[in-house]
N, C-alpha and C. Protein backbone atom coordinates (compact mmCIF):
# COMPACT_ATOMS: atom_id res chain seq x y z
N UNK A 1 -8.74 -22.01 49.82
CA UNK A 1 -9.45 -20.89 49.26
C UNK A 1 -10.77 -20.63 49.98
N UNK A 2 -11.31 -21.64 50.57
CA UNK A 2 -12.59 -21.45 51.25
C UNK A 2 -12.45 -20.65 52.53
N UNK A 3 -11.28 -20.67 53.12
CA UNK A 3 -11.06 -19.97 54.39
C UNK A 3 -10.38 -18.62 54.17
N UNK A 4 -10.76 -17.94 53.11
CA UNK A 4 -10.15 -16.64 52.83
C UNK A 4 -10.65 -15.61 53.83
N UNK A 5 -9.74 -14.77 54.17
CA UNK A 5 -10.12 -13.68 55.07
C UNK A 5 -10.74 -12.57 54.23
N UNK A 6 -11.48 -11.68 54.86
CA UNK A 6 -12.08 -10.57 54.12
C UNK A 6 -11.04 -9.71 53.42
N UNK A 7 -9.85 -9.59 53.99
CA UNK A 7 -8.78 -8.79 53.37
C UNK A 7 -8.32 -9.47 52.08
N UNK A 8 -8.19 -10.77 52.09
CA UNK A 8 -7.76 -11.49 50.89
C UNK A 8 -8.81 -11.35 49.79
N UNK A 9 -10.09 -11.43 50.15
CA UNK A 9 -11.17 -11.24 49.18
C UNK A 9 -11.13 -9.82 48.61
N UNK A 10 -10.87 -8.87 49.48
CA UNK A 10 -10.79 -7.49 49.04
C UNK A 10 -9.62 -7.28 48.08
N UNK A 11 -8.50 -7.90 48.38
CA UNK A 11 -7.33 -7.79 47.50
C UNK A 11 -7.61 -8.43 46.15
N UNK A 12 -8.26 -9.59 46.13
CA UNK A 12 -8.61 -10.24 44.87
C UNK A 12 -9.55 -9.38 44.03
N UNK A 13 -10.54 -8.79 44.68
CA UNK A 13 -11.48 -7.93 43.97
C UNK A 13 -10.79 -6.67 43.45
N UNK A 14 -9.86 -6.13 44.23
CA UNK A 14 -9.11 -4.95 43.80
C UNK A 14 -8.24 -5.28 42.60
N UNK A 15 -7.62 -6.46 42.60
CA UNK A 15 -6.81 -6.89 41.45
C UNK A 15 -7.68 -7.06 40.22
N UNK A 16 -8.83 -7.69 40.38
CA UNK A 16 -9.74 -7.88 39.24
C UNK A 16 -10.22 -6.54 38.71
N UNK A 17 -10.55 -5.62 39.62
CA UNK A 17 -11.00 -4.29 39.22
C UNK A 17 -9.90 -3.55 38.47
N UNK A 18 -8.67 -3.65 38.97
CA UNK A 18 -7.54 -2.99 38.33
C UNK A 18 -7.31 -3.53 36.93
N UNK A 19 -7.35 -4.85 36.78
CA UNK A 19 -7.15 -5.47 35.46
C UNK A 19 -8.26 -5.05 34.50
N UNK A 20 -9.48 -5.04 34.98
CA UNK A 20 -10.60 -4.64 34.13
C UNK A 20 -10.50 -3.18 33.72
N UNK A 21 -10.14 -2.33 34.66
CA UNK A 21 -9.98 -0.91 34.37
C UNK A 21 -8.86 -0.68 33.36
N UNK A 22 -7.77 -1.41 33.52
CA UNK A 22 -6.65 -1.29 32.57
C UNK A 22 -7.08 -1.73 31.18
N UNK A 23 -7.79 -2.84 31.08
CA UNK A 23 -8.26 -3.32 29.78
C UNK A 23 -9.21 -2.31 29.13
N UNK A 24 -10.11 -1.75 29.93
CA UNK A 24 -11.03 -0.75 29.40
C UNK A 24 -10.29 0.48 28.90
N UNK A 25 -9.31 0.92 29.64
CA UNK A 25 -8.50 2.07 29.23
C UNK A 25 -7.75 1.76 27.93
N UNK A 26 -7.22 0.56 27.83
CA UNK A 26 -6.49 0.14 26.63
C UNK A 26 -7.42 0.14 25.41
N UNK A 27 -8.62 -0.41 25.57
CA UNK A 27 -9.55 -0.46 24.44
C UNK A 27 -10.05 0.93 24.06
N UNK A 28 -10.26 1.80 25.03
CA UNK A 28 -10.65 3.18 24.73
C UNK A 28 -9.55 3.91 23.96
N UNK A 29 -8.31 3.69 24.34
CA UNK A 29 -7.18 4.31 23.65
C UNK A 29 -7.09 3.80 22.21
N UNK A 30 -7.26 2.51 22.03
CA UNK A 30 -7.22 1.94 20.68
C UNK A 30 -8.35 2.51 19.82
N UNK A 31 -9.55 2.58 20.40
CA UNK A 31 -10.70 3.11 19.66
C UNK A 31 -10.47 4.56 19.25
N UNK A 32 -10.02 5.38 20.17
CA UNK A 32 -9.81 6.80 19.86
C UNK A 32 -8.67 6.99 18.88
N UNK A 33 -7.62 6.20 18.99
CA UNK A 33 -6.51 6.29 18.03
C UNK A 33 -6.98 5.90 16.64
N UNK A 34 -7.76 4.84 16.54
CA UNK A 34 -8.28 4.41 15.24
C UNK A 34 -9.19 5.48 14.65
N UNK A 35 -9.99 6.13 15.49
CA UNK A 35 -10.88 7.18 15.02
C UNK A 35 -10.09 8.36 14.47
N UNK A 36 -9.05 8.75 15.18
CA UNK A 36 -8.23 9.88 14.73
C UNK A 36 -7.49 9.53 13.44
N UNK A 37 -6.90 8.35 13.38
CA UNK A 37 -6.15 7.96 12.18
C UNK A 37 -7.07 7.85 10.98
N UNK A 38 -8.26 7.27 11.17
CA UNK A 38 -9.18 7.15 10.03
C UNK A 38 -9.67 8.53 9.57
N UNK A 39 -9.88 9.44 10.50
CA UNK A 39 -10.29 10.80 10.12
C UNK A 39 -9.20 11.48 9.29
N UNK A 40 -7.96 11.32 9.72
CA UNK A 40 -6.87 11.92 8.96
C UNK A 40 -6.68 11.24 7.61
N UNK A 41 -6.91 9.94 7.53
CA UNK A 41 -6.80 9.24 6.25
C UNK A 41 -7.82 9.77 5.25
N UNK A 42 -9.03 10.02 5.71
CA UNK A 42 -10.06 10.58 4.84
C UNK A 42 -9.67 11.98 4.39
N UNK A 43 -9.19 12.78 5.33
CA UNK A 43 -8.79 14.16 4.99
C UNK A 43 -7.61 14.16 4.02
N UNK A 44 -6.66 13.28 4.21
CA UNK A 44 -5.50 13.21 3.30
C UNK A 44 -5.95 12.79 1.91
N UNK A 45 -6.85 11.82 1.82
CA UNK A 45 -7.34 11.38 0.52
C UNK A 45 -8.08 12.50 -0.19
N UNK A 46 -8.96 13.18 0.52
CA UNK A 46 -9.68 14.30 -0.09
C UNK A 46 -8.73 15.42 -0.49
N UNK A 47 -7.73 15.67 0.31
CA UNK A 47 -6.74 16.71 -0.02
C UNK A 47 -5.96 16.34 -1.27
N UNK A 48 -5.60 15.07 -1.41
CA UNK A 48 -4.86 14.63 -2.60
C UNK A 48 -5.70 14.80 -3.86
N UNK A 49 -6.98 14.44 -3.80
CA UNK A 49 -7.87 14.61 -4.95
C UNK A 49 -8.03 16.10 -5.27
N UNK A 50 -8.20 16.92 -4.25
CA UNK A 50 -8.34 18.36 -4.47
C UNK A 50 -7.06 18.94 -5.08
N UNK A 51 -5.89 18.47 -4.62
CA UNK A 51 -4.64 18.99 -5.17
C UNK A 51 -4.47 18.59 -6.64
N UNK A 52 -4.89 17.39 -7.00
CA UNK A 52 -4.84 17.00 -8.42
C UNK A 52 -5.77 17.89 -9.25
N UNK A 53 -6.96 18.15 -8.73
CA UNK A 53 -7.89 19.05 -9.41
C UNK A 53 -7.26 20.43 -9.57
N UNK A 54 -6.67 20.94 -8.50
CA UNK A 54 -6.05 22.26 -8.53
C UNK A 54 -4.88 22.29 -9.51
N UNK A 55 -4.12 21.21 -9.59
CA UNK A 55 -3.01 21.14 -10.54
C UNK A 55 -3.49 21.29 -11.97
N UNK A 56 -4.51 20.52 -12.33
CA UNK A 56 -4.99 20.58 -13.71
C UNK A 56 -5.68 21.90 -14.03
N UNK A 57 -6.40 22.45 -13.08
CA UNK A 57 -7.00 23.77 -13.30
C UNK A 57 -5.91 24.82 -13.46
N UNK A 58 -4.85 24.72 -12.67
CA UNK A 58 -3.75 25.68 -12.76
C UNK A 58 -3.05 25.61 -14.11
N UNK A 59 -2.82 24.40 -14.58
CA UNK A 59 -2.17 24.25 -15.89
C UNK A 59 -3.06 24.83 -16.98
N UNK A 60 -4.35 24.49 -16.93
CA UNK A 60 -5.26 25.02 -17.94
C UNK A 60 -5.36 26.53 -17.89
N UNK A 61 -5.46 27.08 -16.70
CA UNK A 61 -5.54 28.53 -16.55
C UNK A 61 -4.25 29.20 -17.00
N UNK A 62 -3.12 28.59 -16.69
CA UNK A 62 -1.83 29.15 -17.12
C UNK A 62 -1.72 29.17 -18.64
N UNK A 63 -2.13 28.09 -19.26
CA UNK A 63 -2.08 28.04 -20.73
C UNK A 63 -3.03 29.06 -21.34
N UNK A 64 -4.22 29.21 -20.75
CA UNK A 64 -5.18 30.17 -21.27
C UNK A 64 -4.69 31.61 -21.11
N UNK A 65 -4.17 31.95 -19.92
CA UNK A 65 -3.65 33.31 -19.69
C UNK A 65 -2.45 33.57 -20.60
N UNK A 66 -1.57 32.56 -20.72
CA UNK A 66 -0.42 32.71 -21.61
C UNK A 66 -0.85 32.92 -23.05
N UNK A 67 -1.90 32.23 -23.48
CA UNK A 67 -2.40 32.40 -24.85
C UNK A 67 -2.97 33.80 -25.05
N UNK A 68 -3.66 34.31 -24.03
CA UNK A 68 -4.22 35.66 -24.12
C UNK A 68 -3.13 36.73 -24.15
N UNK A 69 -2.01 36.48 -23.45
CA UNK A 69 -0.92 37.47 -23.38
C UNK A 69 0.12 37.30 -24.48
N UNK A 70 0.04 36.22 -25.23
CA UNK A 70 0.94 36.03 -26.36
C UNK A 70 2.13 35.14 -26.08
N UNK A 71 2.41 34.79 -24.84
CA UNK A 71 3.52 33.88 -24.51
C UNK A 71 3.07 32.96 -23.38
N UNK A 72 3.22 31.68 -23.59
CA UNK A 72 2.71 30.70 -22.64
C UNK A 72 3.32 30.88 -21.25
N UNK A 73 4.61 31.20 -21.20
CA UNK A 73 5.27 31.29 -19.90
C UNK A 73 4.74 32.43 -19.04
N UNK A 74 4.14 33.46 -19.67
CA UNK A 74 3.54 34.54 -18.88
C UNK A 74 2.42 34.01 -17.99
N UNK A 75 1.62 33.14 -18.53
CA UNK A 75 0.53 32.56 -17.76
C UNK A 75 1.03 31.77 -16.56
N UNK A 76 2.11 31.00 -16.77
CA UNK A 76 2.67 30.23 -15.66
C UNK A 76 3.27 31.15 -14.59
N UNK A 77 3.91 32.24 -15.01
CA UNK A 77 4.45 33.19 -14.04
C UNK A 77 3.34 33.85 -13.22
N UNK A 78 2.25 34.21 -13.88
CA UNK A 78 1.14 34.86 -13.18
C UNK A 78 0.51 33.90 -12.17
N UNK A 79 0.29 32.66 -12.57
CA UNK A 79 -0.29 31.67 -11.64
C UNK A 79 0.68 31.40 -10.49
N UNK A 80 1.97 31.34 -10.79
CA UNK A 80 2.96 31.13 -9.72
C UNK A 80 2.95 32.28 -8.72
N UNK A 81 2.81 33.51 -9.20
CA UNK A 81 2.71 34.66 -8.29
C UNK A 81 1.44 34.60 -7.44
N UNK A 82 0.35 34.12 -8.03
CA UNK A 82 -0.89 33.95 -7.25
C UNK A 82 -0.67 32.93 -6.13
N UNK A 83 -0.01 31.82 -6.45
CA UNK A 83 0.28 30.81 -5.43
C UNK A 83 1.22 31.35 -4.35
N UNK A 84 2.18 32.17 -4.74
CA UNK A 84 3.07 32.78 -3.77
C UNK A 84 2.28 33.69 -2.82
N UNK A 85 1.35 34.44 -3.38
CA UNK A 85 0.50 35.31 -2.55
C UNK A 85 -0.33 34.47 -1.57
N UNK A 86 -0.96 33.40 -2.07
CA UNK A 86 -1.75 32.53 -1.20
C UNK A 86 -0.89 31.89 -0.12
N UNK A 87 0.33 31.49 -0.48
CA UNK A 87 1.24 30.89 0.51
C UNK A 87 1.60 31.89 1.61
N UNK A 88 1.83 33.13 1.24
CA UNK A 88 2.13 34.16 2.24
C UNK A 88 0.95 34.41 3.17
N UNK A 89 -0.26 34.45 2.61
CA UNK A 89 -1.45 34.66 3.43
C UNK A 89 -1.63 33.48 4.40
N UNK A 90 -1.46 32.27 3.90
CA UNK A 90 -1.58 31.08 4.76
C UNK A 90 -0.50 31.09 5.83
N UNK A 91 0.71 31.49 5.48
CA UNK A 91 1.79 31.55 6.46
C UNK A 91 1.48 32.55 7.57
N UNK A 92 0.92 33.68 7.17
CA UNK A 92 0.59 34.71 8.16
C UNK A 92 -0.51 34.24 9.12
N UNK A 93 -1.50 33.55 8.59
CA UNK A 93 -2.64 33.11 9.40
C UNK A 93 -2.58 31.62 9.75
N UNK A 94 -1.40 31.02 9.75
CA UNK A 94 -1.29 29.57 9.97
C UNK A 94 -1.80 29.13 11.33
N UNK A 95 -1.60 29.93 12.37
CA UNK A 95 -2.08 29.54 13.69
C UNK A 95 -3.60 29.54 13.76
N UNK A 96 -4.25 30.56 13.21
CA UNK A 96 -5.70 30.65 13.27
C UNK A 96 -6.38 29.67 12.32
N UNK A 97 -5.79 29.40 11.16
CA UNK A 97 -6.45 28.59 10.14
C UNK A 97 -6.07 27.11 10.20
N UNK A 98 -4.86 26.81 10.69
CA UNK A 98 -4.39 25.41 10.64
C UNK A 98 -4.13 24.85 12.03
N UNK A 99 -3.28 25.51 12.79
CA UNK A 99 -2.83 24.95 14.07
C UNK A 99 -3.96 24.80 15.08
N UNK A 100 -4.71 25.87 15.32
CA UNK A 100 -5.78 25.80 16.32
C UNK A 100 -6.89 24.84 15.91
N UNK A 101 -7.40 24.89 14.67
CA UNK A 101 -8.45 23.93 14.31
C UNK A 101 -7.98 22.47 14.36
N UNK A 102 -6.74 22.23 13.95
CA UNK A 102 -6.22 20.86 14.00
C UNK A 102 -6.05 20.39 15.44
N UNK A 103 -5.54 21.26 16.29
CA UNK A 103 -5.41 20.91 17.71
C UNK A 103 -6.77 20.65 18.34
N UNK A 104 -7.74 21.50 18.03
CA UNK A 104 -9.09 21.30 18.56
C UNK A 104 -9.71 20.00 18.05
N UNK A 105 -9.46 19.67 16.80
CA UNK A 105 -9.99 18.42 16.25
C UNK A 105 -9.42 17.21 16.99
N UNK A 106 -8.12 17.21 17.21
CA UNK A 106 -7.48 16.09 17.91
C UNK A 106 -8.00 16.00 19.34
N UNK A 107 -8.08 17.15 20.02
CA UNK A 107 -8.55 17.15 21.41
C UNK A 107 -10.00 16.68 21.48
N UNK A 108 -10.85 17.16 20.57
CA UNK A 108 -12.25 16.75 20.58
C UNK A 108 -12.39 15.26 20.31
N UNK A 109 -11.57 14.72 19.41
CA UNK A 109 -11.64 13.28 19.13
C UNK A 109 -11.16 12.46 20.33
N UNK A 110 -10.17 12.97 21.04
CA UNK A 110 -9.65 12.23 22.19
C UNK A 110 -10.63 12.28 23.37
N UNK A 111 -11.34 13.40 23.53
CA UNK A 111 -12.22 13.57 24.68
C UNK A 111 -13.61 12.97 24.40
N UNK A 112 -13.97 12.85 23.12
CA UNK A 112 -15.29 12.36 22.74
C UNK A 112 -15.52 10.96 23.30
N UNK A 113 -16.70 10.74 23.84
CA UNK A 113 -17.05 9.42 24.39
C UNK A 113 -17.68 8.55 23.34
């Protein structure tokens, strides 16, 4: 080992550099993946809590509207029609409201240093 030629030293340093670069790339990928997954976990949890809130508000509003109209099922039909309207609006604007922002979020998280 003491009589190494400069080419052998260069090859050893190149191998060490390659291994270090690979390890750094691996750890960066793990870090960014964990960041993205944790961000989505928080968003999913908040969405679940919001959906439970929306469920109970919808039931209460349906019962109240039904009581005002004289039949409970009228309130549920009216709330269901409101949800159908919201679903159609979201479907129409899904690219602008959901797809593009979600894509941008993922790209920004992956590119962020």
